[in-house]
C-alpha atoms as a PDB file:
ATOM      1  CA  MET A   1     -30.734  40.830 -50.215  1.00  0.00           C
ATOM      2  CA  THR A   2     -28.672  40.330 -47.056  1.00  0.00           C
ATOM      3  CA  LEU A   3     -24.897  40.204 -46.671  1.00  0.00           C
ATOM      4  CA  TRP A   4     -25.163  36.440 -46.183  1.00  0.00           C
ATOM      5  CA  ASP A   5     -27.042  36.144 -49.485  1.00  0.00           C
ATOM      6  CA  ILE A   6     -24.241  37.952 -51.298  1.00  0.00           C
ATOM      7  CA  TYR A   7     -21.054  36.866 -49.531  1.00  0.00           C
ATOM      8  CA  GLY A   8     -21.921  33.845 -47.402  1.00  0.00           C
ATOM      9  CA  HIS A   9     -22.785  31.058 -49.815  1.00  0.00           C
ATOM     10  CA  SER A  10     -22.080  30.148 -53.404  1.00  0.00           C
ATOM     11  CA  ASP A  11     -25.502  28.720 -54.273  1.00  0.00           C
ATOM     12  CA  GLY A  12     -27.753  30.453 -56.755  1.00  0.00           C
ATOM     13  CA  ARG A  13     -27.180  33.363 -59.072  1.00  0.00           C
ATOM     14  CA  ILE A  14     -26.458  37.083 -58.839  1.00  0.00           C
ATOM     15  CA  GLY A  15     -27.195  39.713 -61.492  1.00  0.00           C
ATOM     16  CA  ARG A  16     -24.758  42.189 -62.968  1.00  0.00           C
ATOM     17  CA  ARG A  17     -25.724  45.252 -60.916  1.00  0.00           C
ATOM     18  CA  PRO A  18     -25.609  43.516 -57.505  1.00  0.00           C
ATOM     19  CA  TYR A  19     -22.326  41.913 -58.609  1.00  0.00           C
ATOM     20  CA  TRP A  20     -20.722  45.296 -59.352  1.00  0.00           C
ATOM     21  CA  GLU A  21     -21.990  46.725 -56.066  1.00  0.00           C
ATOM     22  CA  ALA A  22     -20.710  43.747 -54.065  1.00  0.00           C
ATOM     23  CA  LEU A  23     -17.406  43.812 -55.963  1.00  0.00           C
ATOM     24  CA  ALA A  24     -16.913  47.487 -55.107  1.00  0.00           C
ATOM     25  CA  ILE A  25     -17.541  46.760 -51.425  1.00  0.00           C
ATOM     26  CA  LEU A  26     -15.058  43.869 -51.441  1.00  0.00           C
ATOM     27  CA  LEU A  27     -12.427  45.979 -53.177  1.00  0.00           C
ATOM     28  CA  VAL A  28     -12.856  48.805 -50.675  1.00  0.00           C
ATOM     29  CA  LEU A  29     -12.623  46.427 -47.713  1.00  0.00           C
ATOM     30  CA  SER A  30      -9.890  44.049 -48.876  1.00  0.00           C
ATOM     31  CA  GLY A  31      -7.825  46.291 -51.173  1.00  0.00           C
ATOM     32  CA  PRO A  32      -6.181  48.400 -48.454  1.00  0.00           C
ATOM     33  CA  LEU A  33      -5.316  45.250 -46.512  1.00  0.00           C
ATOM     34  CA  LEU A  34      -3.269  43.982 -49.445  1.00  0.00           C
ATOM     35  CA  ALA A  35      -1.410  47.292 -49.659  1.00  0.00           C
ATOM     36  CA  LEU A  36      -0.352  47.223 -46.001  1.00  0.00           C
ATOM     37  CA  PRO A  37       2.288  44.518 -45.423  1.00  0.00           C
ATOM     38  CA  PRO A  38       1.531  43.992 -41.702  1.00  0.00           C
ATOM     39  CA  ALA A  39      -2.183  43.551 -42.428  1.00  0.00           C
ATOM     40  CA  ARG A  40      -1.951  41.244 -45.463  1.00  0.00           C
ATOM     41  CA  TRP A  41      -2.864  38.190 -43.406  1.00  0.00           C
ATOM     42  CA  LEU A  42      -6.225  39.841 -42.655  1.00  0.00           C
ATOM     43  CA  ALA A  43      -7.018  39.709 -46.367  1.00  0.00           C
ATOM     44  CA  LEU A  44      -7.298  35.914 -46.011  1.00  0.00           C
ATOM     45  CA  PHE A  45     -10.651  36.482 -44.300  1.00  0.00           C
ATOM     46  CA  PHE A  46     -11.979  37.833 -47.596  1.00  0.00           C
ATOM     47  CA  ILE A  47     -11.199  34.735 -49.686  1.00  0.00           C
ATOM     48  CA  TRP A  48     -14.551  33.063 -48.994  1.00  0.00           C
ATOM     49  CA  PRO A  49     -16.632  36.156 -49.870  1.00  0.00           C
ATOM     50  CA  TRP A  50     -14.644  36.557 -53.113  1.00  0.00           C
ATOM     51  CA  VAL A  51     -15.190  32.891 -54.061  1.00  0.00           C
ATOM     52  CA  CYS A  52     -18.907  33.096 -53.261  1.00  0.00           C
ATOM     53  CA  LEU A  53     -19.441  36.296 -55.239  1.00  0.00           C
ATOM     54  CA  ILE A  54     -17.542  35.082 -58.301  1.00  0.00           C
ATOM     55  CA  SER A  55     -19.188  31.648 -58.226  1.00  0.00           C
ATOM     56  CA  ARG A  56     -22.684  33.126 -58.039  1.00  0.00           C
ATOM     57  CA  ARG A  57     -21.930  35.508 -60.895  1.00  0.00           C
ATOM     58  CA  MET A  58     -20.646  32.661 -63.049  1.00  0.00           C
ATOM     59  CA  HIS A  59     -23.769  30.665 -62.194  1.00  0.00           C
ATOM     60  CA  ASP A  60     -25.838  33.472 -63.713  1.00  0.00           C
ATOM     61  CA  PHE A  61     -24.519  32.700 -67.194  1.00  0.00           C
ATOM     62  CA  GLY A  62     -24.467  28.937 -66.757  1.00  0.00           C
ATOM     63  CA  ARG A  63     -20.873  28.228 -65.727  1.00  0.00           C
ATOM     64  CA  ALA A  64     -19.713  26.395 -62.630  1.00  0.00           C
ATOM     65  CA  GLY A  65     -17.707  28.315 -60.058  1.00  0.00           C
ATOM     66  CA  THR A  66     -14.873  25.833 -60.463  1.00  0.00           C
ATOM     67  CA  TRP A  67     -13.802  27.808 -63.536  1.00  0.00           C
ATOM     68  CA  LEU A  68     -12.333  30.204 -60.998  1.00  0.00           C
ATOM     69  CA  VAL A  69      -9.691  27.554 -60.288  1.00  0.00           C
ATOM     70  CA  LEU A  70      -8.504  27.751 -63.904  1.00  0.00           C
ATOM     71  CA  VAL A  71      -8.269  31.526 -63.770  1.00  0.00           C
ATOM     72  CA  CYS A  72      -6.283  31.389 -60.523  1.00  0.00           C
ATOM     73  CA  LEU A  73      -4.054  28.724 -62.064  1.00  0.00           C
ATOM     74  CA  ALA A  74      -3.405  30.977 -65.067  1.00  0.00           C
ATOM     75  CA  ALA A  75      -2.521  33.855 -62.734  1.00  0.00           C
ATOM     76  CA  PHE A  76      -0.216  31.568 -60.730  1.00  0.00           C
ATOM     77  CA  ILE A  77       1.547  30.360 -63.889  1.00  0.00           C
ATOM     78  CA  ALA A  78       1.924  33.962 -65.053  1.00  0.00           C
ATOM     79  CA  ALA A  79       3.471  34.894 -61.702  1.00  0.00           C
ATOM     80  CA  ALA A  80       5.850  31.921 -61.858  1.00  0.00           C
ATOM     81  CA  TRP A  81       6.780  32.828 -65.429  1.00  0.00           C
ATOM     82  CA  ARG A  82       7.434  36.415 -64.335  1.00  0.00           C
ATOM     83  CA  ASP A  83       9.667  35.243 -61.487  1.00  0.00           C
ATOM     84  CA  ALA A  84      11.565  32.908 -63.810  1.00  0.00           C
ATOM     85  CA  ALA A  85      11.969  35.681 -66.384  1.00  0.00           C
ATOM     86  CA  ARG A  86      13.196  38.059 -63.705  1.00  0.00           C
ATOM     87  CA  GLU A  87      16.157  35.749 -63.151  1.00  0.00           C
ATOM     88  CA  SER A  88      16.997  35.503 -66.841  1.00  0.00           C
ATOM     89  CA  TYR A  89      19.579  37.585 -68.623  1.00  0.00           C
ATOM     90  CA  ILE A  90      17.084  38.527 -71.325  1.00  0.00           C
ATOM     91  CA  LEU A  91      14.937  40.522 -68.931  1.00  0.00           C
ATOM     92  CA  THR A  92      18.012  42.302 -67.626  1.00  0.00           C
ATOM     93  CA  TYR A  93      18.831  43.600 -71.102  1.00  0.00           C
ATOM     94  CA  LEU A  94      15.308  44.186 -72.455  1.00  0.00           C
ATOM     95  CA  ARG A  95      13.778  45.918 -69.434  1.00  0.00           C
ATOM     96  CA  ALA A  96      10.202  44.775 -70.050  1.00  0.00           C
ATOM     97  CA  PRO A  97       7.452  47.233 -69.071  1.00  0.00           C
ATOM     98  CA  PRO A  98       5.788  46.701 -65.663  1.00  0.00           C
ATOM     99  CA  LEU A  99       2.497  45.621 -67.247  1.00  0.00           C
ATOM    100  CA  LEU A 100       4.249  42.630 -68.796  1.00  0.00           C
ATOM    101  CA  THR A 101       6.331  41.775 -65.764  1.00  0.00           C
ATOM    102  CA  HIS A 102       3.313  41.663 -63.419  1.00  0.00           C
ATOM    103  CA  PRO A 103       0.544  39.923 -65.396  1.00  0.00           C
ATOM    104  CA  SER A 104      -1.239  38.154 -62.510  1.00  0.00           C
ATOM    105  CA  PRO A 105      -3.297  41.103 -61.226  1.00  0.00           C
ATOM    106  CA  TRP A 106      -4.218  41.995 -64.804  1.00  0.00           C
ATOM    107  CA  ILE A 107      -5.442  38.467 -65.517  1.00  0.00           C
ATOM    108  CA  LEU A 108      -7.626  38.496 -62.412  1.00  0.00           C
ATOM    109  CA  ALA A 109      -8.901  42.036 -63.064  1.00  0.00           C
ATOM    110  CA  ALA A 110      -9.794  41.161 -66.662  1.00  0.00           C
ATOM    111  CA  PHE A 111     -11.652  38.088 -65.438  1.00  0.00           C
ATOM    112  CA  LEU A 112     -13.644  40.127 -62.885  1.00  0.00           C
ATOM    113  CA  ILE A 113     -14.561  42.690 -65.545  1.00  0.00           C
ATOM    114  CA  VAL A 114     -15.548  40.108 -68.154  1.00  0.00           C
ATOM    115  CA  ILE A 115     -17.833  38.154 -65.825  1.00  0.00           C
ATOM    116  CA  GLY A 116     -19.408  41.429 -64.776  1.00  0.00           C
ATOM    117  CA  LEU A 117     -20.223  42.332 -68.381  1.00  0.00           C
ATOM    118  CA  ILE A 118     -21.585  38.989 -69.584  1.00  0.00           C
ATOM    119  CA  LYS A 119     -25.371  38.934 -69.636  1.00  0.00           C
ATOM    120  CA  GLY A 120     -26.911  36.141 -67.570  1.00  0.00           C
ATOM    121  CA  ASN A 121     -29.251  33.462 -68.870  1.00  0.00           C
ATOM    122  CA  ALA A 122     -32.753  34.848 -69.342  1.00  0.00           C
ATOM    123  CA  GLY A 123     -34.617  32.052 -67.618  1.00  0.00           C
ATOM    124  CA  GLU A 124     -33.894  29.398 -65.082  1.00  0.00           C
ATOM    125  CA  ASN A 125     -30.704  27.391 -65.508  1.00  0.00           C
ATOM    126  CA  ARG A 126     -29.176  24.506 -63.549  1.00  0.00           C
ATOM    127  CA  PHE A 127     -28.076  26.902 -60.802  1.00  0.00           C
ATOM    128  CA  GLY A 128     -31.507  28.349 -60.095  1.00  0.00           C
ATOM    129  CA  PRO A 129     -33.990  30.967 -61.206  1.00  0.00           C
ATOM    130  CA  ALA A 130     -32.932  34.192 -62.883  1.00  0.00           C
ATOM    131  CA  PRO A 131     -32.024  36.912 -60.372  1.00  0.00           C
ATOM    132  CA  LEU A 132     -34.065  39.461 -62.327  1.00  0.00           C
ATOM    133  CA  LYS A 133     -37.713  38.737 -62.843  1.00  0.00           C
ATOM    134  CA  PRO A 134     -38.863  39.623 -66.386  1.00  0.00           C
ATOM    135  CA  GLU A 135     -41.539  42.271 -66.666  1.00  0.00           C
ATOM    136  CA  PRO A 136     -44.987  40.916 -67.542  1.00  0.00           C
ATOM    137  CA  HIS A 137     -46.170  41.833 -71.031  1.00  0.00           C
ATOM    138  CA  VAL A 138     -49.112  44.203 -71.109  1.00  0.00           C
ATOM    139  CA  LEU A 139     -51.312  44.041 -74.193  1.00  0.00           C
END
């Protein structure tokens, strides 16, 4: 499997193990860029590989990659809610824990973990053949 097969297009399916390997590579390459404020704009170059990887993984268990839009929308709403709550007087007095005040990364991380754990369809589905070929039965 080439880099183009993994990160370059969103057609087809990808199994769990190649997904975790590709996810680790993307995290190692794009994670530090997000941590460095001057280099954050370079992280934009990794959007397409992320979309392709997630779409292909979702194809493996029969879901369209457009479900990613709903997850991103949920993370965006959570971030907007957090920003609105930050301005409220309630948050000033309650001092909510950081996990609750920054839910967006947790929503996305949970999504990445869940799609990595879901077993793909055994046979061919509308997105293509199974990435893992079943072993032939020996009598």
